[in-house]
C-alpha atoms as a PDB file:
ATOM      1  CA  MET A   1     -11.004   8.595   3.577  1.00  0.00           C
ATOM      2  CA  ARG A   2     -11.335   9.048   7.347  1.00  0.00           C
ATOM      3  CA  ARG A   3     -12.243  12.365   8.915  1.00  0.00           C
ATOM      4  CA  LEU A   4     -10.011  14.325  11.243  1.00  0.00           C
ATOM      5  CA  ASN A   5     -11.387  14.485  14.788  1.00  0.00           C
ATOM      6  CA  LEU A   6     -10.433  17.030  17.425  1.00  0.00           C
ATOM      7  CA  TYR A   7     -10.452  16.101  21.109  1.00  0.00           C
ATOM      8  CA  THR A   8     -10.285  18.147  24.291  1.00  0.00           C
ATOM      9  CA  LEU A   9      -8.649  16.542  27.315  1.00  0.00           C
ATOM     10  CA  ASP A  10      -9.190  17.384  30.939  1.00  0.00           C
ATOM     11  CA  MET A  11      -5.991  18.985  32.290  1.00  0.00           C
ATOM     12  CA  LYS A  12      -6.158  16.914  35.498  1.00  0.00           C
ATOM     13  CA  TYR A  13      -6.084  13.774  33.348  1.00  0.00           C
ATOM     14  CA  VAL A  14      -3.074  15.086  31.416  1.00  0.00           C
ATOM     15  CA  ARG A  15      -1.223  15.934  34.658  1.00  0.00           C
ATOM     16  CA  ASP A  16      -1.923  12.440  36.006  1.00  0.00           C
ATOM     17  CA  LEU A  17      -0.558  10.902  32.793  1.00  0.00           C
ATOM     18  CA  ALA A  18       2.556  13.084  33.012  1.00  0.00           C
ATOM     19  CA  LYS A  19       3.229  11.750  36.519  1.00  0.00           C
ATOM     20  CA  VAL A  20       3.608   8.191  35.189  1.00  0.00           C
ATOM     21  CA  ASP A  21       5.155   8.951  31.767  1.00  0.00           C
ATOM     22  CA  ASP A  22       7.739  11.716  31.399  1.00  0.00           C
ATOM     23  CA  LYS A  23       7.083  11.945  27.641  1.00  0.00           C
ATOM     24  CA  VAL A  24       3.545  13.300  28.167  1.00  0.00           C
ATOM     25  CA  MET A  25       3.427  17.025  27.409  1.00  0.00           C
ATOM     26  CA  PHE A  26       1.319  19.285  29.562  1.00  0.00           C
ATOM     27  CA  VAL A  27       0.267  22.920  29.561  1.00  0.00           C
ATOM     28  CA  SER A  28       2.573  25.467  31.130  1.00  0.00           C
ATOM     29  CA  PRO A  29       1.048  27.507  33.962  1.00  0.00           C
ATOM     30  CA  GLN A  30       2.574  30.667  32.433  1.00  0.00           C
ATOM     31  CA  LEU A  31       0.175  33.410  31.476  1.00  0.00           C
ATOM     32  CA  GLY A  32      -1.059  33.076  27.902  1.00  0.00           C
ATOM     33  CA  LYS A  33      -0.032  29.436  27.481  1.00  0.00           C
ATOM     34  CA  GLN A  34      -3.070  27.809  29.111  1.00  0.00           C
ATOM     35  CA  ARG A  35      -4.940  27.431  25.808  1.00  0.00           C
ATOM     36  CA  ARG A  36      -1.978  26.288  23.704  1.00  0.00           C
ATOM     37  CA  PRO A  37      -3.073  23.340  21.548  1.00  0.00           C
ATOM     38  CA  PHE A  38      -1.163  20.093  21.185  1.00  0.00           C
ATOM     39  CA  VAL A  39      -1.291  17.795  18.189  1.00  0.00           C
ATOM     40  CA  GLY A  40      -1.169  14.040  18.588  1.00  0.00           C
ATOM     41  CA  VAL A  41      -2.225  10.790  17.015  1.00  0.00           C
ATOM     42  CA  VAL A  42      -4.896   8.488  18.414  1.00  0.00           C
ATOM     43  CA  LEU A  43      -4.419   4.863  17.400  1.00  0.00           C
ATOM     44  CA  VAL A  44      -7.321   2.441  17.569  1.00  0.00           C
ATOM     45  CA  CYS A  45      -6.011  -1.087  18.135  1.00  0.00           C
ATOM     46  CA  GLY A  46      -9.270  -2.935  17.817  1.00  0.00           C
ATOM     47  CA  GLU A  47     -12.839  -1.897  17.249  1.00  0.00           C
ATOM     48  CA  ARG A  48     -15.284  -2.177  20.146  1.00  0.00           C
ATOM     49  CA  ASP A  49     -19.057  -1.791  20.002  1.00  0.00           C
END
């Protein structure tokens, strides 16, 4: 069984992704929502060494 991994993304990277894909969620600038976590799936489509 594979382990669950947690990742932290740089918010600038997320904003840049959101500029090219409107389905990318990003953190609201509203007070108290900066640390809101998102859940997603990371697919590996080929192993690299």
